[in-house]
């Protein structure tokens, strides 16, 4: 019985090894041919191949989640975050904390003066992104963040977290397109409501007989 199990295990290993070459023969040119800076293994590939990291890297799926990032509009330089604090409330590990900015009179204003994420506590659940009403915080794809002191070097401040909207569009193209379509639909609905109110106001201001009726 023991010998049979060993042979079965070796057979499975041999099968995967052979499939590596079968996939290359079926898909010419080989996945090893040409530039191999970024590699992607498709679901229908059964063979096992080696990626020489860090010289070679896998393509990161669009919905991959890592330490969140803060978005700002590069055209205006304005942060999308309003320091509402919802992300801090829904965070399961309480790794986000915000200090709201104030004007010259000391009155709180809707933008963060300080924004911190402790990446050593973050479990990349994405709840902060899901609950953010302004789409200001999104999961990043930058996973290469090895440090010597995680208690100090893995606490990222606002400047380390800020990225432009164009970066979000590049790594999350599907989500970005859906968000833009939703914004456009909302703007159109708002414009239709405003136009409807103007029409009702014009009709109410019109005096009897002005429409040509006797």
N, C-alpha and C. Protein backbone atom coordinates (compact mmCIF):
# COMPACT_ATOMS: atom_id res chain seq x y z
N UNK A 1 0.84 -1.21 0.00
CA UNK A 1 0.00 0.00 0.00
C UNK A 1 0.87 1.25 0.00
N UNK A 2 1.94 1.25 0.80
CA UNK A 2 2.81 2.41 0.89
C UNK A 2 3.49 2.67 -0.46
N UNK A 3 3.98 1.61 -1.09
CA UNK A 3 4.65 1.77 -2.38
C UNK A 3 3.70 2.27 -3.45
N UNK A 4 2.45 1.84 -3.41
CA UNK A 4 1.46 2.27 -4.39
C UNK A 4 1.19 3.78 -4.26
N UNK A 5 1.10 4.27 -3.03
CA UNK A 5 0.86 5.70 -2.82
C UNK A 5 2.02 6.55 -3.33
N UNK A 6 3.25 6.08 -3.12
CA UNK A 6 4.41 6.81 -3.61
C UNK A 6 4.39 6.89 -5.13
N UNK A 7 4.08 5.77 -5.78
CA UNK A 7 4.02 5.75 -7.25
C UNK A 7 2.91 6.67 -7.77
N UNK A 8 1.78 6.69 -7.05
CA UNK A 8 0.68 7.56 -7.47
C UNK A 8 1.09 9.03 -7.37
N UNK A 9 1.78 9.38 -6.29
CA UNK A 9 2.24 10.76 -6.12
C UNK A 9 3.24 11.15 -7.18
N UNK A 10 4.15 10.24 -7.50
CA UNK A 10 5.12 10.52 -8.56
C UNK A 10 4.43 10.67 -9.91
N UNK A 11 3.36 9.90 -10.11
CA UNK A 11 2.61 9.99 -11.37
C UNK A 11 1.95 11.35 -11.53
N UNK A 12 1.40 11.89 -10.43
CA UNK A 12 0.78 13.22 -10.48
C UNK A 12 1.84 14.28 -10.79
N UNK A 13 3.01 14.15 -10.16
CA UNK A 13 4.09 15.10 -10.43
C UNK A 13 4.52 15.04 -11.88
N UNK A 14 4.66 13.82 -12.41
CA UNK A 14 5.05 13.64 -13.80
C UNK A 14 4.01 14.22 -14.75
N UNK A 15 2.73 14.08 -14.40
CA UNK A 15 1.65 14.60 -15.23
C UNK A 15 1.75 16.12 -15.35
N UNK A 16 1.94 16.80 -14.23
CA UNK A 16 2.05 18.26 -14.26
C UNK A 16 3.31 18.68 -15.02
N UNK A 17 4.38 17.94 -14.88
CA UNK A 17 5.62 18.27 -15.58
C UNK A 17 5.43 18.15 -17.08
N UNK A 18 4.74 17.10 -17.52
CA UNK A 18 4.50 16.92 -18.95
C UNK A 18 3.55 17.99 -19.50
N UNK A 19 2.55 18.37 -18.70
CA UNK A 19 1.60 19.39 -19.15
C UNK A 19 2.28 20.72 -19.42
N UNK A 20 3.40 20.98 -18.73
CA UNK A 20 4.14 22.21 -18.98
C UNK A 20 4.57 22.29 -20.43
N UNK A 21 5.06 21.19 -20.97
CA UNK A 21 5.52 21.16 -22.36
C UNK A 21 4.34 21.06 -23.32
N UNK A 22 3.26 20.39 -22.91
CA UNK A 22 2.09 20.27 -23.78
C UNK A 22 1.48 21.65 -24.03
N UNK A 23 1.37 22.48 -22.97
CA UNK A 23 0.84 23.82 -23.14
C UNK A 23 1.70 24.66 -24.07
N UNK A 24 3.03 24.49 -23.97
CA UNK A 24 3.92 25.25 -24.84
C UNK A 24 3.78 24.83 -26.29
N UNK A 25 3.57 23.54 -26.53
CA UNK A 25 3.42 23.05 -27.90
C UNK A 25 2.10 23.51 -28.49
N UNK A 26 1.03 23.51 -27.67
CA UNK A 26 -0.28 23.94 -28.15
C UNK A 26 -0.32 25.43 -28.45
N UNK A 27 0.40 26.21 -27.69
CA UNK A 27 0.35 27.67 -27.82
C UNK A 27 1.71 28.20 -28.26
N UNK A 28 1.93 28.13 -29.56
CA UNK A 28 3.17 28.64 -30.13
C UNK A 28 2.94 30.09 -30.56
N UNK A 29 3.76 31.08 -30.24
CA UNK A 29 5.02 30.91 -29.54
C UNK A 29 4.85 30.57 -28.07
N UNK A 30 5.85 29.96 -27.49
CA UNK A 30 5.80 29.52 -26.11
C UNK A 30 5.60 30.70 -25.17
N UNK A 31 5.01 30.45 -24.00
CA UNK A 31 4.87 31.50 -23.00
C UNK A 31 6.23 31.93 -22.47
N UNK A 32 7.27 31.15 -22.77
CA UNK A 32 8.62 31.53 -22.37
C UNK A 32 9.31 32.39 -23.43
N UNK A 33 8.69 32.53 -24.61
CA UNK A 33 9.32 33.27 -25.70
C UNK A 33 9.08 34.76 -25.54
N UNK A 34 10.01 35.56 -26.09
CA UNK A 34 9.83 37.01 -26.06
C UNK A 34 10.10 37.59 -24.69
N UNK A 35 9.59 38.81 -24.49
CA UNK A 35 9.81 39.48 -23.21
C UNK A 35 9.04 38.82 -22.10
N UNK A 36 9.67 38.66 -20.95
CA UNK A 36 9.04 37.99 -19.81
C UNK A 36 9.08 38.87 -18.57
N UNK A 37 9.01 40.18 -18.77
CA UNK A 37 9.03 41.06 -17.61
C UNK A 37 7.78 40.88 -16.76
N UNK A 38 6.63 40.74 -17.43
CA UNK A 38 5.36 40.54 -16.74
C UNK A 38 4.69 39.31 -17.32
N UNK A 39 4.31 38.37 -16.48
CA UNK A 39 3.73 37.11 -16.94
C UNK A 39 2.33 36.95 -16.40
N UNK A 40 1.54 36.21 -17.15
CA UNK A 40 0.18 35.93 -16.74
C UNK A 40 -0.14 34.48 -17.05
N UNK A 41 -0.55 33.72 -16.04
CA UNK A 41 -0.95 32.34 -16.25
C UNK A 41 -2.48 32.29 -16.30
N UNK A 42 -3.00 31.87 -17.45
CA UNK A 42 -4.43 31.83 -17.64
C UNK A 42 -5.04 30.61 -16.95
N UNK A 43 -6.35 30.65 -16.65
CA UNK A 43 -6.99 29.54 -15.93
C UNK A 43 -6.95 28.22 -16.69
N UNK A 44 -6.87 28.27 -18.04
CA UNK A 44 -6.88 27.03 -18.81
C UNK A 44 -5.50 26.41 -18.96
N UNK A 45 -4.48 27.03 -18.39
CA UNK A 45 -3.13 26.47 -18.44
C UNK A 45 -2.95 25.49 -17.30
N UNK A 46 -2.54 24.29 -17.61
CA UNK A 46 -2.42 23.25 -16.59
C UNK A 46 -0.97 22.98 -16.19
N UNK A 47 -0.05 23.42 -17.01
CA UNK A 47 1.35 23.18 -16.69
C UNK A 47 1.85 24.14 -15.63
N UNK A 48 2.93 23.77 -14.99
CA UNK A 48 3.55 24.60 -13.96
C UNK A 48 4.81 25.22 -14.55
N UNK A 49 4.96 26.52 -14.40
CA UNK A 49 6.19 27.16 -14.87
C UNK A 49 6.72 28.08 -13.80
N UNK A 50 8.00 28.38 -13.87
CA UNK A 50 8.68 29.15 -12.84
C UNK A 50 8.79 30.60 -13.24
N UNK A 51 8.47 31.49 -12.31
CA UNK A 51 8.65 32.92 -12.51
C UNK A 51 9.89 33.35 -11.73
N UNK A 52 10.80 33.98 -12.42
CA UNK A 52 12.07 34.39 -11.81
C UNK A 52 11.89 35.76 -11.14
N UNK A 53 11.18 35.75 -10.00
CA UNK A 53 10.93 36.99 -9.28
C UNK A 53 12.23 37.44 -8.60
N UNK A 54 12.57 38.72 -8.58
CA UNK A 54 11.77 39.90 -8.97
C UNK A 54 11.99 40.36 -10.41
N UNK A 55 12.88 39.67 -11.16
CA UNK A 55 13.08 40.09 -12.55
C UNK A 55 11.81 39.88 -13.37
N UNK A 56 11.04 38.85 -13.06
CA UNK A 56 9.78 38.57 -13.72
C UNK A 56 8.65 38.64 -12.70
N UNK A 57 7.51 39.16 -13.14
CA UNK A 57 6.39 39.32 -12.21
C UNK A 57 5.09 38.89 -12.88
N UNK A 58 4.18 38.43 -12.05
CA UNK A 58 2.84 38.08 -12.54
C UNK A 58 2.02 39.35 -12.80
N UNK A 59 1.07 39.22 -13.71
CA UNK A 59 0.08 40.27 -13.89
C UNK A 59 -0.89 40.21 -12.70
N UNK A 60 -1.08 41.34 -12.03
CA UNK A 60 -1.94 41.37 -10.85
C UNK A 60 -3.40 41.51 -11.30
N UNK A 61 -4.29 40.66 -10.82
CA UNK A 61 -5.71 40.79 -11.19
C UNK A 61 -6.28 42.14 -10.76
N UNK A 62 -7.26 42.62 -11.50
CA UNK A 62 -7.82 43.95 -11.24
C UNK A 62 -8.41 44.05 -9.84
N UNK A 63 -9.03 43.00 -9.35
CA UNK A 63 -9.70 43.05 -8.04
C UNK A 63 -8.78 42.65 -6.89
N UNK A 64 -7.49 42.57 -7.15
CA UNK A 64 -6.52 42.30 -6.08
C UNK A 64 -6.53 43.46 -5.08
N UNK A 65 -6.47 43.13 -3.80
CA UNK A 65 -6.54 44.15 -2.75
C UNK A 65 -5.27 44.14 -1.91
N UNK A 66 -4.71 45.34 -1.72
CA UNK A 66 -3.61 45.48 -0.78
C UNK A 66 -3.82 46.79 -0.02
N UNK A 67 -2.80 47.28 0.65
CA UNK A 67 -2.94 48.48 1.48
C UNK A 67 -3.64 49.60 0.72
N UNK A 68 -4.69 50.19 1.27
CA UNK A 68 -5.47 51.21 0.54
C UNK A 68 -4.64 52.43 0.15
N UNK A 69 -5.17 53.16 -0.82
CA UNK A 69 -4.56 54.41 -1.28
C UNK A 69 -5.62 55.50 -1.26
N UNK A 70 -5.18 56.73 -1.14
CA UNK A 70 -6.07 57.89 -1.17
C UNK A 70 -6.00 58.53 -2.54
N UNK A 71 -7.15 58.93 -3.08
CA UNK A 71 -7.21 59.52 -4.42
C UNK A 71 -7.34 61.04 -4.35
N UNK A 72 -6.73 61.70 -5.34
CA UNK A 72 -6.92 63.13 -5.51
C UNK A 72 -7.06 63.44 -6.99
N UNK A 73 -7.71 64.54 -7.29
CA UNK A 73 -7.92 64.97 -8.67
C UNK A 73 -6.70 65.77 -9.11
N UNK A 74 -5.94 65.22 -10.05
CA UNK A 74 -4.72 65.89 -10.49
C UNK A 74 -5.01 67.21 -11.19
N UNK A 75 -6.18 67.32 -11.82
CA UNK A 75 -6.52 68.54 -12.55
C UNK A 75 -6.72 69.72 -11.59
N UNK A 76 -7.32 69.45 -10.45
CA UNK A 76 -7.60 70.52 -9.48
C UNK A 76 -6.69 70.47 -8.26
N UNK A 77 -6.04 69.31 -8.06
CA UNK A 77 -5.21 69.14 -6.87
C UNK A 77 -6.00 68.91 -5.60
N UNK A 78 -7.29 68.66 -5.74
CA UNK A 78 -8.18 68.52 -4.59
C UNK A 78 -8.27 67.06 -4.16
N UNK A 79 -8.19 66.82 -2.84
CA UNK A 79 -8.38 65.48 -2.30
C UNK A 79 -9.85 65.09 -2.40
N UNK A 80 -10.10 63.81 -2.70
CA UNK A 80 -11.48 63.34 -2.70
C UNK A 80 -11.97 63.06 -1.29
N UNK A 81 -11.05 62.81 -0.37
CA UNK A 81 -11.42 62.53 1.02
C UNK A 81 -11.94 63.79 1.69
N UNK A 82 -13.05 63.65 2.43
CA UNK A 82 -13.65 64.76 3.16
C UNK A 82 -13.48 64.62 4.67
N UNK A 83 -12.69 63.62 5.09
CA UNK A 83 -12.45 63.39 6.52
C UNK A 83 -13.73 63.09 7.27
N UNK A 84 -14.66 62.38 6.62
CA UNK A 84 -15.94 62.07 7.27
C UNK A 84 -15.77 61.01 8.37
N UNK A 85 -14.73 60.18 8.26
CA UNK A 85 -14.44 59.20 9.30
C UNK A 85 -15.15 57.88 9.17
N UNK A 86 -15.90 57.66 8.09
CA UNK A 86 -16.62 56.39 7.93
C UNK A 86 -15.65 55.22 7.82
N UNK A 87 -14.54 55.42 7.11
CA UNK A 87 -13.57 54.33 6.94
C UNK A 87 -12.98 53.90 8.28
N UNK A 88 -12.78 54.86 9.19
CA UNK A 88 -12.23 54.50 10.50
C UNK A 88 -13.23 53.71 11.33
N UNK A 89 -14.52 53.96 11.12
CA UNK A 89 -15.55 53.27 11.89
C UNK A 89 -15.77 51.83 11.42
N UNK A 90 -15.67 51.60 10.09
CA UNK A 90 -15.94 50.26 9.57
C UNK A 90 -14.69 49.38 9.55
N UNK A 91 -13.51 49.95 9.77
CA UNK A 91 -12.27 49.16 9.72
C UNK A 91 -12.25 48.14 10.85
N UNK A 92 -12.18 46.84 10.55
CA UNK A 92 -12.21 45.82 11.61
C UNK A 92 -10.99 45.86 12.53
N UNK A 93 -9.85 46.28 12.00
CA UNK A 93 -8.62 46.28 12.81
C UNK A 93 -8.28 47.65 13.36
N UNK A 94 -9.12 48.67 13.04
CA UNK A 94 -8.90 50.03 13.52
C UNK A 94 -7.49 50.53 13.17
N UNK A 95 -7.10 50.31 11.90
CA UNK A 95 -5.76 50.70 11.48
C UNK A 95 -5.74 52.06 10.78
N UNK A 96 -6.89 52.72 10.69
CA UNK A 96 -6.98 54.03 10.03
C UNK A 96 -7.32 55.09 11.07
N UNK A 97 -6.60 56.19 11.05
CA UNK A 97 -7.01 57.32 11.88
C UNK A 97 -6.76 58.63 11.13
N UNK A 98 -7.68 59.57 11.36
CA UNK A 98 -7.73 60.81 10.60
C UNK A 98 -7.78 62.00 11.55
N UNK A 99 -7.09 63.07 11.15
CA UNK A 99 -7.20 64.36 11.84
C UNK A 99 -7.80 65.34 10.85
N UNK A 100 -8.98 65.87 11.18
CA UNK A 100 -9.67 66.79 10.27
C UNK A 100 -8.99 68.15 10.26
N UNK A 101 -8.93 68.76 9.08
CA UNK A 101 -8.30 70.07 8.92
C UNK A 101 -9.22 71.17 9.44
N UNK A 102 -8.63 72.33 9.71
CA UNK A 102 -9.39 73.49 10.20
C UNK A 102 -9.01 74.73 9.40
N UNK A 103 -9.94 75.68 9.33
CA UNK A 103 -9.64 76.93 8.64
C UNK A 103 -8.91 77.88 9.58
N UNK A 104 -8.68 79.12 9.11
CA UNK A 104 -7.91 80.07 9.90
C UNK A 104 -8.63 80.48 11.18
N UNK A 105 -9.94 80.24 11.24
CA UNK A 105 -10.71 80.57 12.44
C UNK A 105 -10.86 79.38 13.39
N UNK A 106 -10.26 78.25 13.01
CA UNK A 106 -10.36 77.07 13.87
C UNK A 106 -11.58 76.23 13.63
N UNK A 107 -12.35 76.54 12.59
CA UNK A 107 -13.55 75.78 12.28
C UNK A 107 -13.20 74.55 11.44
N UNK A 108 -13.69 73.35 11.80
CA UNK A 108 -13.37 72.14 11.02
C UNK A 108 -13.88 72.25 9.58
N UNK A 109 -13.08 71.81 8.64
CA UNK A 109 -13.46 71.81 7.24
C UNK A 109 -13.35 70.39 6.68
N UNK A 110 -14.02 70.17 5.55
CA UNK A 110 -14.15 68.81 5.02
C UNK A 110 -12.94 68.38 4.20
N UNK A 111 -11.81 68.22 4.87
CA UNK A 111 -10.62 67.64 4.26
C UNK A 111 -9.69 67.19 5.39
N UNK A 112 -8.88 66.17 5.14
CA UNK A 112 -8.01 65.68 6.20
C UNK A 112 -6.71 66.48 6.29
N UNK A 113 -6.36 66.90 7.48
CA UNK A 113 -5.04 67.49 7.70
C UNK A 113 -4.00 66.39 7.82
N UNK A 114 -4.40 65.27 8.45
CA UNK A 114 -3.53 64.10 8.59
C UNK A 114 -4.36 62.84 8.33
N UNK A 115 -3.74 61.87 7.71
CA UNK A 115 -4.41 60.60 7.42
C UNK A 115 -3.35 59.51 7.52
N UNK A 116 -3.60 58.51 8.37
CA UNK A 116 -2.62 57.45 8.60
C UNK A 116 -3.26 56.07 8.44
N UNK A 117 -2.49 55.15 7.90
CA UNK A 117 -2.87 53.74 7.84
C UNK A 117 -1.71 52.91 8.34
N UNK A 118 -1.98 52.08 9.32
CA UNK A 118 -0.96 51.14 9.83
C UNK A 118 -1.07 49.86 9.01
N UNK A 119 -0.19 49.72 8.02
CA UNK A 119 -0.24 48.57 7.11
C UNK A 119 0.10 47.26 7.80
N UNK A 120 0.74 47.34 8.97
CA UNK A 120 1.04 46.10 9.70
C UNK A 120 -0.22 45.51 10.34
N UNK A 121 -1.27 46.34 10.49
CA UNK A 121 -2.55 45.87 11.03
C UNK A 121 -3.58 45.61 9.95
N UNK A 122 -3.46 46.34 8.84
CA UNK A 122 -4.45 46.22 7.76
C UNK A 122 -4.52 44.79 7.23
N UNK A 123 -5.73 44.25 7.12
CA UNK A 123 -5.90 42.89 6.60
C UNK A 123 -6.48 42.89 5.19
N UNK A 124 -6.45 44.06 4.53
CA UNK A 124 -6.80 44.17 3.11
C UNK A 124 -8.21 43.67 2.81
N UNK A 125 -9.14 43.95 3.71
CA UNK A 125 -10.51 43.48 3.52
C UNK A 125 -11.27 44.31 2.50
N UNK A 126 -10.89 45.59 2.33
CA UNK A 126 -11.56 46.46 1.37
C UNK A 126 -12.82 47.13 1.87
N UNK A 127 -13.14 46.99 3.16
CA UNK A 127 -14.37 47.60 3.68
C UNK A 127 -14.31 49.12 3.63
N UNK A 128 -13.13 49.69 3.84
CA UNK A 128 -13.01 51.15 3.80
C UNK A 128 -13.36 51.67 2.42
N UNK A 129 -12.92 50.95 1.40
CA UNK A 129 -13.25 51.35 0.02
C UNK A 129 -14.72 51.15 -0.29
N UNK A 130 -15.29 50.07 0.22
CA UNK A 130 -16.69 49.76 -0.07
C UNK A 130 -17.64 50.77 0.56
N UNK A 131 -17.31 51.26 1.76
CA UNK A 131 -18.22 52.15 2.48
C UNK A 131 -17.93 53.63 2.24
N UNK A 132 -16.83 53.98 1.60
CA UNK A 132 -16.50 55.38 1.38
C UNK A 132 -17.53 56.01 0.44
N UNK A 133 -18.26 57.03 0.88
CA UNK A 133 -19.32 57.61 0.03
C UNK A 133 -18.78 58.48 -1.09
N UNK A 134 -17.50 58.82 -1.07
CA UNK A 134 -16.93 59.71 -2.06
C UNK A 134 -15.92 59.01 -2.98
N UNK A 135 -15.73 57.70 -2.80
CA UNK A 135 -14.78 56.97 -3.62
C UNK A 135 -13.36 57.46 -3.46
N UNK A 136 -13.01 57.91 -2.26
CA UNK A 136 -11.71 58.53 -2.03
C UNK A 136 -10.63 57.53 -1.64
N UNK A 137 -11.01 56.34 -1.21
CA UNK A 137 -10.03 55.35 -0.77
C UNK A 137 -10.28 54.05 -1.53
N UNK A 138 -9.21 53.52 -2.12
CA UNK A 138 -9.30 52.33 -2.95
C UNK A 138 -8.15 51.38 -2.61
N UNK A 139 -8.34 50.06 -2.83
CA UNK A 139 -7.24 49.12 -2.60
C UNK A 139 -6.15 49.29 -3.64
N UNK A 140 -4.93 49.31 -3.20
CA UNK A 140 -3.78 49.47 -4.09
C UNK A 140 -3.28 48.11 -4.58
N UNK A 141 -2.40 48.12 -5.59
CA UNK A 141 -1.77 46.89 -6.08
C UNK A 141 -0.30 46.82 -5.69
N UNK A 142 0.20 47.81 -4.98
CA UNK A 142 1.61 47.86 -4.62
C UNK A 142 1.86 46.98 -3.39
N UNK A 143 2.30 45.73 -3.64
CA UNK A 143 2.52 44.79 -2.54
C UNK A 143 3.99 44.70 -2.13
N UNK A 144 4.88 45.33 -2.85
CA UNK A 144 6.32 45.22 -2.56
C UNK A 144 6.70 46.29 -1.53
N UNK A 145 6.41 46.00 -0.29
CA UNK A 145 6.64 46.98 0.78
C UNK A 145 7.35 46.34 1.96
N UNK A 146 8.39 45.60 1.69
CA UNK A 146 9.17 44.99 2.76
C UNK A 146 9.96 46.06 3.50
N UNK A 147 9.94 45.99 4.84
CA UNK A 147 10.64 46.96 5.68
C UNK A 147 11.36 46.21 6.80
N UNK A 148 12.27 46.92 7.45
CA UNK A 148 13.02 46.32 8.56
C UNK A 148 12.28 46.48 9.89
N UNK A 149 11.56 47.58 10.03
CA UNK A 149 10.84 47.85 11.28
C UNK A 149 9.38 48.08 10.95
N UNK A 150 8.55 47.07 11.09
CA UNK A 150 7.16 47.19 10.70
C UNK A 150 6.37 48.12 11.62
N UNK A 151 6.81 48.28 12.85
CA UNK A 151 6.09 49.14 13.79
C UNK A 151 6.27 50.62 13.48
N UNK A 152 7.29 50.94 12.71
CA UNK A 152 7.53 52.35 12.38
C UNK A 152 7.39 52.60 10.88
N UNK A 153 8.00 51.75 10.06
CA UNK A 153 8.05 52.01 8.62
C UNK A 153 6.79 51.59 7.88
N UNK A 154 5.88 50.86 8.52
CA UNK A 154 4.65 50.45 7.86
C UNK A 154 3.46 51.32 8.24
N UNK A 155 3.72 52.43 8.87
CA UNK A 155 2.67 53.41 9.14
C UNK A 155 2.78 54.49 8.07
N UNK A 156 1.82 54.52 7.16
CA UNK A 156 1.88 55.43 6.01
C UNK A 156 1.02 56.66 6.28
N UNK A 157 1.60 57.83 5.99
CA UNK A 157 0.87 59.07 6.19
C UNK A 157 0.16 59.48 4.91
N UNK A 158 -0.46 60.63 4.94
CA UNK A 158 -1.27 61.09 3.82
C UNK A 158 -0.46 61.22 2.53
N UNK A 159 0.73 61.77 2.62
CA UNK A 159 1.54 61.96 1.42
C UNK A 159 1.97 60.63 0.81
N UNK A 160 2.21 59.64 1.64
CA UNK A 160 2.60 58.33 1.12
C UNK A 160 1.43 57.58 0.49
N UNK A 161 0.20 57.94 0.90
CA UNK A 161 -0.99 57.24 0.42
C UNK A 161 -1.63 57.90 -0.80
N UNK A 162 -1.36 59.18 -1.03
CA UNK A 162 -2.01 59.91 -2.11
C UNK A 162 -1.54 59.46 -3.48
N UNK A 163 -2.50 59.20 -4.38
CA UNK A 163 -2.22 58.90 -5.78
C UNK A 163 -3.28 59.60 -6.63
N UNK A 164 -2.98 59.93 -7.88
CA UNK A 164 -3.98 60.59 -8.73
C UNK A 164 -5.06 59.63 -9.21
N UNK A 165 -6.17 60.18 -9.63
CA UNK A 165 -7.28 59.38 -10.16
C UNK A 165 -6.85 58.54 -11.36
N UNK A 166 -5.90 59.05 -12.14
CA UNK A 166 -5.44 58.33 -13.32
C UNK A 166 -4.81 56.99 -12.94
N UNK A 167 -4.17 56.93 -11.78
CA UNK A 167 -3.57 55.67 -11.33
C UNK A 167 -4.66 54.65 -11.00
N UNK A 168 -5.71 55.12 -10.34
CA UNK A 168 -6.86 54.25 -10.05
C UNK A 168 -7.48 53.73 -11.34
N UNK A 169 -7.61 54.59 -12.35
CA UNK A 169 -8.19 54.18 -13.63
C UNK A 169 -7.31 53.15 -14.33
N UNK A 170 -6.00 53.23 -14.12
CA UNK A 170 -5.08 52.31 -14.78
C UNK A 170 -5.12 50.91 -14.17
N UNK A 171 -5.22 50.82 -12.85
CA UNK A 171 -5.18 49.50 -12.21
C UNK A 171 -6.56 48.91 -11.97
N UNK A 172 -7.61 49.77 -11.98
CA UNK A 172 -8.99 49.31 -11.83
C UNK A 172 -9.84 49.83 -12.99
N UNK A 173 -9.54 49.47 -14.22
CA UNK A 173 -10.26 50.07 -15.36
C UNK A 173 -11.76 49.77 -15.36
N UNK A 174 -12.14 48.54 -15.00
CA UNK A 174 -13.56 48.19 -15.01
C UNK A 174 -14.33 48.98 -13.96
N UNK A 175 -13.81 48.99 -12.74
CA UNK A 175 -14.46 49.72 -11.65
C UNK A 175 -14.51 51.21 -11.95
N UNK A 176 -13.43 51.77 -12.50
CA UNK A 176 -13.40 53.19 -12.82
C UNK A 176 -14.44 53.54 -13.87
N UNK A 177 -14.57 52.69 -14.90
CA UNK A 177 -15.57 52.93 -15.94
C UNK A 177 -16.98 52.87 -15.37
N UNK A 178 -17.24 51.93 -14.46
CA UNK A 178 -18.55 51.83 -13.84
C UNK A 178 -18.85 53.06 -12.98
N UNK A 179 -17.84 53.54 -12.26
CA UNK A 179 -18.03 54.74 -11.42
C UNK A 179 -18.31 55.97 -12.28
N UNK A 180 -17.58 56.11 -13.39
CA UNK A 180 -17.80 57.26 -14.26
C UNK A 180 -19.18 57.21 -14.90
N UNK A 181 -19.62 56.01 -15.29
CA UNK A 181 -20.96 55.87 -15.88
C UNK A 181 -22.03 56.22 -14.86
N UNK A 182 -21.84 55.80 -13.60
CA UNK A 182 -22.80 56.13 -12.55
C UNK A 182 -22.84 57.63 -12.29
N UNK A 183 -21.66 58.27 -12.30
CA UNK A 183 -21.63 59.73 -12.10
C UNK A 183 -22.34 60.46 -13.23
N UNK A 184 -22.11 59.99 -14.47
CA UNK A 184 -22.76 60.63 -15.61
C UNK A 184 -24.27 60.48 -15.55
N UNK A 185 -24.73 59.28 -15.16
CA UNK A 185 -26.18 59.05 -15.05
C UNK A 185 -26.77 59.93 -13.94
N UNK A 186 -26.06 60.07 -12.85
CA UNK A 186 -26.54 60.90 -11.74
C UNK A 186 -26.61 62.37 -12.16
N UNK A 187 -25.60 62.83 -12.91
CA UNK A 187 -25.59 64.22 -13.37
C UNK A 187 -26.73 64.48 -14.35
N UNK A 188 -26.99 63.52 -15.23
CA UNK A 188 -28.09 63.67 -16.18
C UNK A 188 -29.44 63.73 -15.47
N UNK A 189 -29.61 62.85 -14.46
CA UNK A 189 -30.86 62.85 -13.70
C UNK A 189 -31.04 64.18 -12.96
N UNK A 190 -29.96 64.71 -12.41
CA UNK A 190 -30.03 66.00 -11.71
C UNK A 190 -30.39 67.12 -12.68
N UNK A 191 -29.80 67.07 -13.89
CA UNK A 191 -30.11 68.10 -14.89
C UNK A 191 -31.56 68.02 -15.33
N UNK A 192 -32.09 66.81 -15.47
CA UNK A 192 -33.50 66.66 -15.86
C UNK A 192 -34.43 67.19 -14.77
N UNK A 193 -34.09 66.93 -13.51
CA UNK A 193 -34.92 67.45 -12.41
C UNK A 193 -34.89 68.97 -12.37
N UNK A 194 -33.71 69.55 -12.59
CA UNK A 194 -33.61 71.00 -12.59
C UNK A 194 -34.41 71.61 -13.74
N UNK A 195 -34.33 70.97 -14.90
CA UNK A 195 -35.09 71.46 -16.05
C UNK A 195 -36.58 71.36 -15.81
N UNK A 196 -37.00 70.27 -15.16
CA UNK A 196 -38.41 70.09 -14.85
C UNK A 196 -38.90 71.15 -13.87
N UNK A 197 -38.07 71.49 -12.88
CA UNK A 197 -38.44 72.54 -11.92
C UNK A 197 -38.55 73.90 -12.61
N UNK A 198 -37.65 74.17 -13.53
CA UNK A 198 -37.71 75.44 -14.25
C UNK A 198 -38.99 75.53 -15.09
N UNK A 199 -39.35 74.43 -15.73
CA UNK A 199 -40.59 74.42 -16.53
C UNK A 199 -41.81 74.66 -15.66
N UNK A 200 -41.85 74.00 -14.48
CA UNK A 200 -42.99 74.20 -13.58
C UNK A 200 -43.05 75.63 -13.07
N UNK A 201 -41.86 76.21 -12.81
CA UNK A 201 -41.82 77.59 -12.35
C UNK A 201 -42.29 78.56 -13.43
N UNK A 202 -41.91 78.30 -14.66
CA UNK A 202 -42.34 79.16 -15.77
C UNK A 202 -43.84 79.07 -15.97
N UNK A 203 -44.38 77.87 -15.84
CA UNK A 203 -45.83 77.69 -16.00
C UNK A 203 -46.59 78.39 -14.88
N UNK A 204 -46.04 78.36 -13.67
CA UNK A 204 -46.72 79.00 -12.54
C UNK A 204 -46.69 80.51 -12.65
N UNK A 205 -45.58 81.05 -13.24
CA UNK A 205 -45.46 82.51 -13.36
C UNK A 205 -46.26 83.07 -14.53
N UNK A 206 -46.68 82.22 -15.45
CA UNK A 206 -47.39 82.68 -16.63
C UNK A 206 -48.81 83.15 -16.24
N UNK A 207 -49.20 84.34 -16.65
CA UNK A 207 -50.52 84.88 -16.30
C UNK A 207 -51.59 84.25 -17.18
N UNK A 208 -52.83 84.21 -16.68
CA UNK A 208 -53.95 83.70 -17.52
C UNK A 208 -54.09 84.51 -18.79
N UNK A 209 -54.27 83.83 -19.91
CA UNK A 209 -54.46 84.48 -21.19
C UNK A 209 -53.18 84.70 -21.97
N UNK A 210 -52.00 84.54 -21.32
CA UNK A 210 -50.73 84.74 -22.01
C UNK A 210 -50.41 83.62 -22.99
N UNK A 211 -51.07 82.49 -22.82
CA UNK A 211 -50.80 81.37 -23.70
C UNK A 211 -51.68 81.43 -24.96
N UNK A 212 -52.46 82.52 -25.12
CA UNK A 212 -53.28 82.67 -26.31
C UNK A 212 -54.69 82.18 -26.14
N UNK A 213 -55.00 81.65 -24.94
CA UNK A 213 -56.36 81.13 -24.71
C UNK A 213 -57.30 82.29 -24.43
N UNK A 214 -58.56 82.14 -24.82
CA UNK A 214 -59.59 83.18 -24.60
C UNK A 214 -60.04 83.15 -23.15
